[in-house]
Amino acid sequence: MFLAAREDWEIHQFDVTGAYLKGDLEEEIYMEVPKGVDLRGKKGVVWKLEKLIYGLKQAGCQWKKKLDSMMVDLGFKKSASDDSLYILHDSKDRLQMVVLAYFDYTIPAGPNLN
């Protein structure tokens, strides 16, 4: 964020609520039914997950894939030197905004973030 300080850009910070729940499952995952759920005598029942849940090893990776896709769709390019940095240029190739995304913490910076 040295660039933002040097250029006197606005900097904000926000958390993406439930980020690890926003990715898409690419495989079939089953889980044991949590204790306390009434199965009415059924044994050996498992649930097939339709969405990510916290605690899955895949959750962070799937969120990152989803974020990459969304940022590219918005016109950002990924930095070649930092996997968590996205850069947006205008039609005249002037730098408009940078976004640093680390896990679910996001820091956009630019000359005018309105």
Protein backbone atom coordinates (compact mmCIF):
# COMPACT_ATOMS: atom_id res chain seq x y z
CA MET A 1 0.00 0.00 0.00
CA PHE A 2 3.06 2.20 -0.42
CA LEU A 3 1.56 3.29 -3.75
CA ALA A 4 -1.62 4.47 -2.02
CA ALA A 5 0.35 6.53 0.48
CA ARG A 6 2.59 8.03 -2.20
CA GLU A 7 -0.37 8.94 -4.43
CA ASP A 8 -2.58 10.06 -1.51
CA TRP A 9 -5.26 7.55 -2.44
CA GLU A 10 -8.27 6.56 -0.38
CA ILE A 11 -7.89 3.26 1.44
CA HIS A 12 -10.70 1.24 2.96
CA GLN A 13 -10.91 -2.16 4.62
CA PHE A 14 -13.80 -4.57 4.85
CA ASP A 15 -14.41 -8.18 5.71
CA VAL A 16 -16.34 -10.47 3.40
CA THR A 17 -18.94 -11.98 5.73
CA GLY A 18 -19.18 -15.73 5.32
CA ALA A 19 -16.49 -15.75 2.63
CA TYR A 20 -15.65 -19.40 3.13
CA LEU A 21 -19.29 -20.30 2.52
CA LYS A 22 -19.43 -18.57 -0.86
CA GLY A 23 -17.29 -20.95 -2.90
CA ASP A 24 -18.69 -23.77 -5.01
CA LEU A 25 -18.19 -27.46 -4.33
CA GLU A 26 -16.41 -29.26 -7.15
CA GLU A 27 -16.75 -32.74 -5.69
CA GLU A 28 -19.20 -34.84 -3.72
CA ILE A 29 -18.69 -34.52 0.02
CA TYR A 30 -20.62 -36.37 2.69
CA MET A 31 -20.67 -35.78 6.43
CA GLU A 32 -21.95 -37.63 9.43
CA VAL A 33 -25.18 -36.28 10.83
CA PRO A 34 -24.40 -34.05 13.85
CA LYS A 35 -25.21 -35.38 17.28
CA GLY A 36 -28.58 -34.24 18.54
CA VAL A 37 -30.32 -34.50 15.15
CA ASP A 38 -33.30 -36.82 15.45
CA LEU A 39 -32.97 -39.58 12.84
CA ARG A 40 -35.95 -41.58 14.17
CA GLY A 41 -34.16 -44.92 14.36
CA LYS A 42 -32.17 -44.61 11.11
CA LYS A 43 -28.54 -45.63 11.49
CA GLY A 44 -25.63 -45.01 9.16
CA VAL A 45 -27.25 -41.96 7.59
CA VAL A 46 -24.94 -39.29 6.13
CA TRP A 47 -25.67 -35.92 4.55
CA LYS A 48 -24.47 -34.92 1.11
CA LEU A 49 -23.25 -31.33 1.20
CA GLU A 50 -24.65 -28.98 -1.41
CA LYS A 51 -22.63 -25.97 -0.23
CA LEU A 52 -19.39 -25.34 1.61
CA ILE A 53 -19.36 -25.26 5.37
CA TYR A 54 -16.78 -23.88 7.78
CA GLY A 55 -14.12 -26.40 8.64
CA LEU A 56 -13.88 -28.03 5.22
CA LYS A 57 -10.33 -28.18 3.94
CA GLN A 58 -11.58 -27.10 0.50
CA ALA A 59 -13.37 -23.95 1.73
CA GLY A 60 -10.44 -21.52 1.50
CA CYS A 61 -9.32 -22.72 -1.91
CA GLN A 62 -12.87 -22.62 -3.30
CA TRP A 63 -13.40 -19.08 -1.95
CA LYS A 64 -10.18 -17.96 -3.65
CA LYS A 65 -11.31 -19.44 -6.98
CA LYS A 66 -14.67 -17.67 -6.66
CA LEU A 67 -13.00 -14.36 -5.77
CA ASP A 68 -10.57 -14.63 -8.71
CA SER A 69 -13.48 -15.23 -11.07
CA MET A 70 -15.52 -12.30 -9.70
CA MET A 71 -12.59 -9.87 -9.86
CA VAL A 72 -11.75 -10.81 -13.46
CA ASP A 73 -15.42 -10.41 -14.40
CA LEU A 74 -15.25 -6.88 -12.95
CA GLY A 75 -12.27 -6.04 -15.17
CA PHE A 76 -9.44 -6.51 -12.68
CA LYS A 77 -6.21 -8.27 -13.58
CA LYS A 78 -4.30 -10.40 -11.14
CA SER A 79 -0.83 -9.26 -10.25
CA ALA A 80 1.92 -11.50 -11.59
CA SER A 81 3.95 -11.01 -8.42
CA ASP A 82 1.29 -11.24 -5.69
CA ASP A 83 -1.57 -13.74 -5.85
CA SER A 84 -3.74 -11.62 -3.55
CA LEU A 85 -3.44 -8.33 -5.50
CA TYR A 86 -5.92 -7.27 -8.19
CA ILE A 87 -5.34 -4.25 -10.43
CA LEU A 88 -7.86 -2.20 -12.43
CA HIS A 89 -6.91 0.13 -15.28
CA ASP A 90 -9.22 2.44 -17.21
CA SER A 91 -9.62 2.45 -21.01
CA LYS A 92 -6.52 4.67 -21.34
CA ASP A 93 -4.47 2.16 -19.29
CA ARG A 94 -4.30 4.46 -16.24
CA LEU A 95 -4.25 2.78 -12.87
CA GLN A 96 -7.67 3.22 -11.26
CA MET A 97 -7.75 0.90 -8.29
CA VAL A 98 -5.91 -1.87 -6.53
CA VAL A 99 -7.53 -4.44 -4.27
CA LEU A 100 -5.59 -6.55 -1.82
CA ALA A 101 -7.58 -9.61 -0.70
CA TYR A 102 -6.14 -11.73 2.09
CA PHE A 103 -8.45 -14.54 3.19
CA ASP A 104 -11.71 -12.67 3.87
CA TYR A 105 -10.07 -9.27 4.53
CA THR A 106 -10.20 -6.92 1.57
CA ILE A 107 -8.44 -3.59 1.13
CA PRO A 108 -9.39 -1.48 -1.90
CA ALA A 109 -7.30 1.61 -2.67
CA GLY A 110 -7.61 4.19 -5.42
CA PRO A 111 -7.78 7.89 -6.23
CA ASN A 112 -11.57 7.95 -5.88
CA LEU A 113 -13.45 5.00 -4.44
CA ASN A 114 -16.92 6.47 -4.92
